[in-house]
């Protein structure tokens, strides 16, 4: 992990390494992916001082890159004084171990996954967020304890580099390694138990929320697409928003009123990115379930980004991975105020509507609210209800959470023509009249 002292001193300098496979067509080109990696490095407090690329027929099973490229990296490390080599893909434990041998003890070998996990650790503000990040970090680190083992082996009086070997050195190191693994596994099990309690709490909260019939609108998007800024503009909230990657980790929910006066809940969630570590997706399951249970999804896209189309695809891939399929999706082109030229044209596909806005200036916000209202209305059923005069609570709930089109008070009860949300149907079906 990158320490605060290293960030403040500016001593962390890194060489980026990007690899492409011949014949493959990745989501982003090597150059674009390395630019994104450089932004991640900057967010983590690392200064990028060089980069190296290689196209291979297949990944080297031992060192990820070829031996010639390893020599190039070593030369660039010596020339720049960098102490970090940052790979744009997740390294296997064997790759990590072999690369550390080649580069030497003074060089830190990191991959994109470790970097993203470090950024998440820096930005987690709540207990829930910290638990989720800690779990993902431990699960990532568990198979990568080899450097710790070599350190312990030297303490035992041996050498990790071809010197003394055998029972006298290997035994203590292996024993300590197994102890460390058991301790980490215990921590992983404990974190999973704590997060299961969090998940159950969130599930109960969602169930109570669903009983009220208040629709939930989830904001999703690539990191730094402007979701938090849009939430602030729509709700008047003051959620932290910054021009950096993964500024928001912890979900934030606020109530807003649509043009009809109907209330909805708007939830901002963690941003996505290509090559998101699988351990992170698994650890953030409780948070991501907020998206899966939403009534409408707003997919926010940075219209000004040269890779916006690829960003859309990356988000859609992640949504599919967490089984988000049923809710209608609205594509929201954001940052109109900074756009030079026309809004990109895409195939509608799974999207019910496309709206262009500026969360910064407010342009297009009224249209977005109208589209949200229309989308929710399409998910309602037009019914006629007869409610007892004694059930003023049910009448009031309809005015808050449904769309009352007509009302008449009769001797038999309150007659209402209502566009009823699906979530309220079970509660009111006994009062439906022909």
Protein backbone atom coordinates (compact mmCIF):
# COMPACT_ATOMS: atom_id res chain seq x y z
CA UNK A 1 0.00 0.00 0.00
CA UNK A 2 1.17 3.55 -0.71
CA UNK A 3 1.84 5.38 2.54
CA UNK A 4 0.82 8.95 3.34
CA UNK A 5 4.49 9.83 3.90
CA UNK A 6 5.35 8.68 0.40
CA UNK A 7 2.52 10.72 -1.08
CA UNK A 8 3.51 13.85 0.78
CA UNK A 9 7.21 13.56 -0.05
CA UNK A 10 6.52 12.86 -3.70
CA UNK A 11 9.12 10.04 -3.56
CA UNK A 12 6.91 7.51 -5.32
CA UNK A 13 7.93 7.47 -8.98
CA UNK A 14 6.69 4.76 -11.29
CA UNK A 15 7.26 3.16 -14.68
CA UNK A 16 4.05 1.99 -16.38
CA UNK A 17 4.03 -1.29 -18.32
CA UNK A 18 1.30 -2.10 -20.83
CA UNK A 19 0.93 -5.38 -22.73
CA UNK A 20 -1.24 -6.26 -25.71
CA UNK A 21 -1.86 -9.66 -27.24
CA UNK A 22 -1.50 -10.05 -30.98
CA UNK A 23 -4.88 -10.55 -32.67
CA UNK A 24 -6.94 -9.39 -29.69
CA UNK A 25 -9.12 -6.26 -29.66
CA UNK A 26 -9.33 -4.97 -26.08
CA UNK A 27 -11.91 -2.44 -24.92
CA UNK A 28 -9.24 0.29 -24.83
CA UNK A 29 -6.04 0.46 -26.86
CA UNK A 30 -2.74 0.07 -24.98
CA UNK A 31 -2.12 3.82 -25.22
CA UNK A 32 -5.59 4.75 -23.93
CA UNK A 33 -5.44 2.17 -21.15
CA UNK A 34 -2.01 3.44 -20.06
CA UNK A 35 -3.33 7.01 -20.01
CA UNK A 36 -6.10 5.81 -17.71
CA UNK A 37 -3.54 3.97 -15.57
CA UNK A 38 -1.53 7.20 -15.30
CA UNK A 39 -4.64 8.98 -13.99
CA UNK A 40 -5.15 6.21 -11.45
CA UNK A 41 -1.51 6.55 -10.40
CA UNK A 42 -1.92 10.31 -9.99
CA UNK A 43 -5.04 9.77 -7.87
CA UNK A 44 -3.02 7.43 -5.64
CA UNK A 45 -0.18 9.95 -5.27
CA UNK A 46 2.30 8.33 -7.67
CA UNK A 47 4.31 10.29 -10.22
CA UNK A 48 4.62 8.55 -13.60
CA UNK A 49 8.10 9.07 -15.11
CA UNK A 50 8.04 6.60 -17.99
CA UNK A 51 6.19 3.81 -19.74
CA UNK A 52 6.99 0.69 -21.73
CA UNK A 53 4.69 -1.24 -24.09
CA UNK A 54 4.91 -4.67 -25.65
CA UNK A 55 2.78 -6.67 -28.08
CA UNK A 56 3.08 -10.41 -27.49
CA UNK A 57 1.67 -13.56 -29.11
CA UNK A 58 0.96 -14.75 -25.54
CA UNK A 59 1.75 -13.70 -21.98
CA UNK A 60 5.10 -14.97 -20.67
CA UNK A 61 4.16 -17.64 -18.12
CA UNK A 62 6.96 -16.65 -15.73
CA UNK A 63 7.49 -12.90 -16.02
CA UNK A 64 4.40 -11.63 -17.92
CA UNK A 65 6.64 -9.64 -20.33
CA UNK A 66 9.59 -10.93 -22.33
CA UNK A 67 13.18 -10.98 -21.01
CA UNK A 68 14.23 -8.18 -23.37
CA UNK A 69 11.49 -5.91 -22.04
CA UNK A 70 12.51 -6.72 -18.47
CA UNK A 71 15.98 -5.39 -19.29
CA UNK A 72 14.41 -2.25 -20.79
CA UNK A 73 12.40 -1.72 -17.61
CA UNK A 74 15.53 -2.13 -15.46
CA UNK A 75 17.40 0.42 -17.60
CA UNK A 76 14.50 2.88 -17.37
CA UNK A 77 14.33 2.40 -13.59
CA UNK A 78 18.02 3.23 -13.29
CA UNK A 79 17.70 6.25 -15.61
CA UNK A 80 14.63 7.77 -13.91
CA UNK A 81 15.28 6.72 -10.32
CA UNK A 82 11.79 5.21 -10.12
CA UNK A 83 11.15 2.62 -7.43
CA UNK A 84 7.78 1.35 -8.65
CA UNK A 85 6.86 -0.75 -11.70
CA UNK A 86 3.13 -0.57 -12.35
CA UNK A 87 1.55 -3.11 -14.70
CA UNK A 88 -1.73 -2.32 -16.46
CA UNK A 89 -3.10 -5.85 -15.94
CA UNK A 90 -3.51 -8.03 -12.89
CA UNK A 91 -0.41 -10.13 -12.28
CA UNK A 92 -0.63 -13.69 -11.07
CA UNK A 93 1.21 -14.54 -7.83
CA UNK A 94 3.90 -16.26 -9.90
CA UNK A 95 4.34 -13.23 -12.16
CA UNK A 96 4.65 -11.00 -9.09
CA UNK A 97 7.21 -13.30 -7.49
CA UNK A 98 9.37 -13.66 -10.60
CA UNK A 99 9.28 -9.94 -11.42
CA UNK A 100 10.32 -9.04 -7.88
CA UNK A 101 13.31 -11.37 -8.28
CA UNK A 102 14.29 -9.74 -11.59
CA UNK A 103 13.89 -6.14 -10.46
CA UNK A 104 15.40 -6.51 -6.97
CA UNK A 105 14.30 -5.81 -3.43
CA UNK A 106 14.31 -2.04 -3.76
CA UNK A 107 11.65 -2.05 -6.51
CA UNK A 108 7.96 -2.31 -5.72
CA UNK A 109 5.94 -4.30 -8.28
CA UNK A 110 2.27 -3.29 -8.45
CA UNK A 111 -0.56 -4.05 -10.86
CA UNK A 112 -3.74 -2.19 -11.77
CA UNK A 113 -5.78 -4.17 -9.24
CA UNK A 114 -3.48 -3.31 -6.33
CA UNK A 115 -3.54 0.35 -7.37
CA UNK A 116 -7.35 0.52 -7.56
CA UNK A 117 -7.64 -1.22 -4.19
CA UNK A 118 -5.24 1.34 -2.71
CA UNK A 119 -7.31 4.23 -4.09
CA UNK A 120 -10.47 2.68 -2.67
CA UNK A 121 -8.75 2.34 0.72
CA UNK A 122 -7.85 6.04 0.64
CA UNK A 123 -11.37 7.15 -0.31
CA UNK A 124 -13.53 4.88 1.89
CA UNK A 125 -15.19 7.17 4.46
CA UNK A 126 -17.77 4.94 6.13
CA UNK A 127 -17.42 1.77 8.20
CA UNK A 128 -19.19 -0.21 5.48
CA UNK A 129 -16.90 1.11 2.75
CA UNK A 130 -13.79 0.40 4.81
CA UNK A 131 -14.95 -3.18 5.50
CA UNK A 132 -15.58 -3.84 1.82
CA UNK A 133 -12.20 -2.49 0.75
CA UNK A 134 -10.37 -4.35 3.52
CA UNK A 135 -11.97 -7.64 2.44
CA UNK A 136 -11.01 -7.07 -1.20
CA UNK A 137 -7.43 -6.21 -0.22
CA UNK A 138 -6.99 -9.29 1.96
CA UNK A 139 -8.41 -11.59 -0.72
CA UNK A 140 -6.07 -10.01 -3.27
CA UNK A 141 -3.04 -10.30 -0.98
CA UNK A 142 -3.60 -13.81 0.38
CA UNK A 143 -1.96 -15.65 -2.55
CA UNK A 144 0.77 -12.99 -2.80
CA UNK A 145 2.61 -13.45 0.49
CA UNK A 146 5.85 -14.58 -1.14
CA UNK A 147 7.81 -11.39 -0.48
CA UNK A 148 6.90 -11.66 3.20
CA UNK A 149 8.24 -15.22 3.18
CA UNK A 150 11.63 -14.17 1.73
CA UNK A 151 11.89 -11.43 4.36
CA UNK A 152 11.24 -13.98 7.12
CA UNK A 153 13.66 -16.43 5.58
CA UNK A 154 16.46 -13.83 5.78
CA UNK A 155 15.55 -13.15 9.40
CA UNK A 156 15.95 -16.86 10.04
CA UNK A 157 19.56 -16.57 8.94
CA UNK A 158 19.27 -17.61 5.31
CA UNK A 159 19.24 -15.89 1.95
CA UNK A 160 16.39 -15.60 -0.51
CA UNK A 161 18.78 -15.29 -3.46
CA UNK A 162 20.51 -18.56 -4.06
CA UNK A 163 22.59 -18.55 -0.85
CA UNK A 164 22.04 -20.91 2.05
CA UNK A 165 19.01 -23.10 1.54
CA UNK A 166 17.54 -26.28 2.91
CA UNK A 167 15.83 -27.31 6.13
CA UNK A 168 17.45 -24.71 8.38
CA UNK A 169 16.17 -21.83 6.26
CA UNK A 170 13.09 -23.22 4.58
CA UNK A 171 11.38 -24.50 7.73
CA UNK A 172 10.92 -21.26 9.73
CA UNK A 173 9.92 -19.32 6.65
CA UNK A 174 7.31 -21.82 5.57
CA UNK A 175 5.97 -22.13 9.10
CA UNK A 176 5.59 -18.37 9.44
CA UNK A 177 4.03 -18.16 5.98
CA UNK A 178 1.40 -20.70 6.95
CA UNK A 179 0.70 -18.76 10.17
CA UNK A 180 0.30 -15.56 8.16
CA UNK A 181 -2.04 -17.27 5.71
CA UNK A 182 -4.17 -18.65 8.51
CA UNK A 183 -4.35 -15.23 10.18
CA UNK A 184 -5.38 -13.54 6.93
CA UNK A 185 -7.98 -16.24 6.25
CA UNK A 186 -9.40 -15.64 9.73
CA UNK A 187 -9.65 -11.92 9.00
CA UNK A 188 -11.31 -12.64 5.64
CA UNK A 189 -13.88 -14.91 7.32
CA UNK A 190 -14.59 -12.28 10.00
CA UNK A 191 -14.97 -9.50 7.41
CA UNK A 192 -17.36 -11.65 5.38
CA UNK A 193 -19.47 -12.22 8.49
CA UNK A 194 -19.58 -8.49 9.23
CA UNK A 195 -20.46 -7.66 5.64
CA UNK A 196 -23.20 -10.28 5.64
CA UNK A 197 -24.75 -8.39 8.55
CA UNK A 198 -24.43 -5.19 6.52
CA UNK A 199 -26.07 -6.89 3.54
CA UNK A 200 -28.94 -8.15 5.71
CA UNK A 201 -29.41 -4.66 7.18
CA UNK A 202 -29.51 -3.13 3.70
CA UNK A 203 -31.93 -5.82 2.57
CA UNK A 204 -34.30 -5.08 5.47
CA UNK A 205 -34.03 -1.35 4.79
CA UNK A 206 -34.85 -1.89 1.10
CA UNK A 207 -37.84 -4.06 2.04
CA UNK A 208 -39.22 -1.29 4.29
CA UNK A 209 -38.56 1.24 1.54
CA UNK A 210 -40.37 -0.92 -1.01
CA UNK A 211 -43.36 -1.14 1.33
CA UNK A 212 -43.72 2.64 1.06
CA UNK A 213 -43.78 2.38 -2.73
CA UNK A 214 -41.21 5.18 -3.18
CA UNK A 215 -39.38 4.49 -6.46
CA UNK A 216 -35.58 4.29 -6.40
CA UNK A 217 -33.45 5.83 -9.16
CA UNK A 218 -29.85 4.56 -9.26
CA UNK A 219 -27.00 6.57 -10.76
CA UNK A 220 -24.33 4.43 -12.44
CA UNK A 221 -21.45 5.27 -14.71
CA UNK A 222 -17.75 5.16 -15.42
CA UNK A 223 -15.61 6.76 -12.75
CA UNK A 224 -15.45 10.58 -13.02
CA UNK A 225 -18.52 10.75 -15.29
CA UNK A 226 -20.09 13.33 -12.97
CA UNK A 227 -22.62 11.23 -11.03
CA UNK A 228 -22.11 13.02 -7.71
CA UNK A 229 -22.32 16.43 -9.39
CA UNK A 230 -25.59 15.36 -11.00
CA UNK A 231 -26.93 14.12 -7.65
CA UNK A 232 -26.06 17.49 -6.10
CA UNK A 233 -27.76 19.40 -8.93
CA UNK A 234 -30.93 17.28 -8.77
CA UNK A 235 -31.25 17.25 -4.98
CA UNK A 236 -29.49 20.37 -3.74
CA UNK A 237 -27.26 18.09 -1.65
CA UNK A 238 -23.58 18.69 -0.96
CA UNK A 239 -22.10 15.27 -1.71
CA UNK A 240 -18.34 15.34 -2.27
CA UNK A 241 -17.62 15.68 -5.99
CA UNK A 242 -14.16 16.10 -7.49
CA UNK A 243 -12.47 15.85 -10.87
CA UNK A 244 -10.66 12.65 -9.95
CA UNK A 245 -11.15 8.92 -10.26
CA UNK A 246 -13.23 7.18 -7.58
CA UNK A 247 -14.00 10.35 -5.61
CA UNK A 248 -17.21 8.64 -4.41
CA UNK A 249 -17.23 5.14 -2.90
CA UNK A 250 -20.00 5.11 -0.33
CA UNK A 251 -23.60 5.12 -1.62
CA UNK A 252 -25.58 8.28 -0.98
CA UNK A 253 -29.39 8.45 -1.18
CA UNK A 254 -31.47 11.62 -1.35
CA UNK A 255 -35.18 12.32 -1.91
CA UNK A 256 -36.26 14.53 -4.82
CA UNK A 257 -39.60 15.65 -6.24
CA UNK A 258 -40.54 15.07 -9.87
CA UNK A 259 -42.50 17.69 -11.86
CA UNK A 260 -45.80 16.12 -10.76
CA UNK A 261 -44.83 16.48 -7.11
CA UNK A 262 -44.19 12.77 -6.75
CA UNK A 263 -41.24 11.78 -4.53
CA UNK A 264 -38.45 9.46 -5.61
CA UNK A 265 -35.16 8.37 -4.02
CA UNK A 266 -31.95 9.04 -5.95
CA UNK A 267 -28.93 6.86 -5.10
CA UNK A 268 -25.34 7.59 -6.14
CA UNK A 269 -23.08 4.51 -6.27
CA UNK A 270 -19.41 3.75 -6.81
CA UNK A 271 -18.07 4.40 -10.31
CA UNK A 272 -16.96 1.60 -12.61
CA UNK A 273 -13.80 1.22 -14.68
CA UNK A 274 -12.40 -1.29 -17.15
CA UNK A 275 -10.44 -4.18 -15.59
CA UNK A 276 -12.18 -3.67 -12.24
CA UNK A 277 -10.70 -6.23 -9.78
CA UNK A 278 -13.08 -9.19 -9.31
CA UNK A 279 -12.36 -9.19 -5.56
CA UNK A 280 -13.64 -5.61 -5.41
CA UNK A 281 -16.89 -6.41 -7.20
CA UNK A 282 -17.46 -9.34 -4.85
CA UNK A 283 -16.63 -7.30 -1.73
CA UNK A 284 -18.95 -4.45 -2.76
CA UNK A 285 -21.89 -6.81 -3.31
CA UNK A 286 -23.98 -5.21 -0.54
CA UNK A 287 -23.53 -1.76 -2.07
CA UNK A 288 -24.08 -2.89 -5.66
CA UNK A 289 -27.36 -4.57 -4.70
CA UNK A 290 -28.77 -1.03 -4.48
CA UNK A 291 -28.45 -0.90 -8.28
CA UNK A 292 -30.06 -4.29 -8.79
CA UNK A 293 -33.13 -3.28 -6.76
CA UNK A 294 -33.62 0.11 -8.46
CA UNK A 295 -36.78 0.99 -10.41
CA UNK A 296 -34.89 3.07 -12.98
CA UNK A 297 -31.18 3.31 -13.78
CA UNK A 298 -29.54 6.54 -14.97
CA UNK A 299 -26.34 5.66 -16.83
CA UNK A 300 -24.25 8.84 -16.67
CA UNK A 301 -21.58 9.28 -19.36
CA UNK A 302 -18.85 11.90 -19.74
CA UNK A 303 -19.75 13.17 -23.21
CA UNK A 304 -16.41 14.93 -23.62
CA UNK A 305 -14.25 11.85 -23.14
CA UNK A 306 -12.67 10.43 -26.28
CA UNK A 307 -13.42 6.89 -25.05
CA UNK A 308 -17.03 7.52 -23.97
CA UNK A 309 -18.36 4.71 -26.17
CA UNK A 310 -15.92 2.26 -24.56
CA UNK A 311 -16.89 3.58 -21.13
CA UNK A 312 -20.53 2.76 -21.87
CA UNK A 313 -19.55 -0.79 -22.82
CA UNK A 314 -17.44 -1.24 -19.67
CA UNK A 315 -20.34 -0.13 -17.45
CA UNK A 316 -22.78 -2.39 -19.28
CA UNK A 317 -20.39 -5.33 -18.82
CA UNK A 318 -20.19 -4.67 -15.08
CA UNK A 319 -23.97 -4.32 -14.77
CA UNK A 320 -24.35 -7.68 -16.49
CA UNK A 321 -21.78 -9.17 -14.12
CA UNK A 322 -23.84 -8.13 -11.07
CA UNK A 323 -27.08 -9.33 -12.72
CA UNK A 324 -28.74 -5.98 -13.41
CA UNK A 325 -31.20 -6.71 -16.21
CA UNK A 326 -34.80 -5.77 -15.51
CA UNK A 327 -34.90 -2.06 -14.67
CA UNK A 328 -35.35 0.46 -17.52
CA UNK A 329 -32.18 2.43 -18.26
CA UNK A 330 -31.85 6.06 -19.31
CA UNK A 331 -28.58 7.16 -20.93
CA UNK A 332 -27.52 10.57 -19.62
CA UNK A 333 -24.90 12.40 -21.66
CA UNK A 334 -23.22 14.67 -19.11
CA UNK A 335 -20.81 17.65 -19.26
CA UNK A 336 -22.58 19.42 -22.14
CA UNK A 337 -21.00 22.67 -20.94
CA UNK A 338 -17.53 21.35 -21.87
CA UNK A 339 -18.52 19.57 -25.10
CA UNK A 340 -17.10 20.83 -28.37
CA UNK A 341 -19.25 19.54 -31.21
CA UNK A 342 -22.31 17.34 -31.21
CA UNK A 343 -23.50 14.78 -28.71
CA UNK A 344 -22.42 11.27 -29.82
CA UNK A 345 -25.01 9.14 -31.56
CA UNK A 346 -25.46 5.58 -30.32
CA UNK A 347 -27.91 2.77 -30.90
CA UNK A 348 -30.64 2.89 -28.26
CA UNK A 349 -30.32 -0.82 -27.51
CA UNK A 350 -31.42 -1.40 -23.91
CA UNK A 351 -32.01 2.30 -23.23
CA UNK A 352 -35.56 3.61 -23.06
CA UNK A 353 -34.45 7.26 -23.46
CA UNK A 354 -31.37 9.40 -24.04
CA UNK A 355 -31.00 12.84 -22.43
CA UNK A 356 -28.13 15.35 -22.66
CA UNK A 357 -27.39 17.50 -19.60
CA UNK A 358 -24.81 19.59 -17.83
CA UNK A 359 -24.77 18.72 -14.16
CA UNK A 360 -22.55 21.78 -13.70
CA UNK A 361 -24.79 24.45 -15.29
CA UNK A 362 -28.17 22.69 -14.97
CA UNK A 363 -28.81 22.56 -18.71
CA UNK A 364 -31.18 19.69 -19.58
CA UNK A 365 -32.06 18.89 -15.95
CA UNK A 366 -35.77 19.72 -16.38
CA UNK A 367 -35.96 17.42 -19.40
CA UNK A 368 -34.22 14.65 -17.44
CA UNK A 369 -36.78 14.91 -14.63
CA UNK A 370 -39.62 14.72 -17.16
CA UNK A 371 -38.07 11.62 -18.74
CA UNK A 372 -37.69 9.96 -15.33
CA UNK A 373 -41.36 10.70 -14.62
CA UNK A 374 -42.44 9.28 -17.99
CA UNK A 375 -40.34 6.16 -17.45
CA UNK A 376 -41.90 5.52 -14.06
CA UNK A 377 -45.40 6.18 -15.45
CA UNK A 378 -44.86 3.52 -18.12
CA UNK A 379 -44.22 1.09 -15.28
CA UNK A 380 -47.56 1.92 -13.61
CA UNK A 381 -50.93 0.32 -14.02
CA UNK A 382 -54.07 2.44 -14.46
CA UNK A 383 -56.66 1.26 -11.91
CA UNK A 384 -59.82 2.49 -10.21
CA UNK A 385 -59.85 2.13 -6.44
CA UNK A 386 -62.56 2.43 -3.81
CA UNK A 387 -60.99 3.11 -0.43
CA UNK A 388 -62.90 3.24 2.89
CA UNK A 389 -63.27 6.72 4.37
CA UNK A 390 -61.44 5.39 7.44
CA UNK A 391 -58.29 4.63 5.42
CA UNK A 392 -56.96 8.13 5.01
CA UNK A 393 -53.45 6.68 5.32
CA UNK A 394 -53.88 4.74 2.06
CA UNK A 395 -55.31 7.78 0.30
CA UNK A 396 -52.41 9.96 1.47
CA UNK A 397 -49.86 7.36 0.32
CA UNK A 398 -51.34 7.42 -3.19
CA UNK A 399 -50.92 11.18 -3.42
CA UNK A 400 -47.30 10.81 -2.31
CA UNK A 401 -46.20 7.76 -4.30
CA UNK A 402 -48.65 7.30 -7.20
CA UNK A 403 -50.31 9.54 -9.76
CA UNK A 404 -53.93 10.33 -8.78
CA UNK A 405 -55.76 11.32 -11.97
CA UNK A 406 -59.32 11.68 -10.65
CA UNK A 407 -61.09 11.56 -7.27
CA UNK A 408 -64.67 11.53 -6.09
CA UNK A 409 -65.97 11.06 -2.54
CA UNK A 410 -69.03 8.81 -2.41
CA UNK A 411 -71.12 7.11 0.26
CA UNK A 412 -69.29 3.85 -0.40
CA UNK A 413 -65.83 5.36 -0.07
CA UNK A 414 -63.20 7.42 -1.85
CA UNK A 415 -63.18 6.60 -5.58
CA UNK A 416 -59.81 7.20 -7.21
CA UNK A 417 -58.52 6.77 -10.74
CA UNK A 418 -54.81 6.12 -10.18
CA UNK A 419 -51.65 5.23 -12.05
CA UNK A 420 -50.38 2.69 -9.54
CA UNK A 421 -46.69 1.71 -9.23
CA UNK A 422 -46.04 -2.00 -9.46
CA UNK A 423 -44.57 -2.00 -5.96
CA UNK A 424 -47.90 -0.80 -4.49
CA UNK A 425 -50.11 -3.18 -6.45
CA UNK A 426 -50.24 -5.94 -3.80
CA UNK A 427 -51.19 -3.44 -1.09
CA UNK A 428 -54.10 -1.98 -3.08
CA UNK A 429 -55.35 -4.90 -5.17
CA UNK A 430 -58.17 -5.68 -2.69
CA UNK A 431 -59.59 -2.19 -3.33
CA UNK A 432 -59.58 -2.36 -7.15
CA UNK A 433 -63.03 -2.04 -8.73
CA UNK A 434 -64.06 -2.79 -12.29
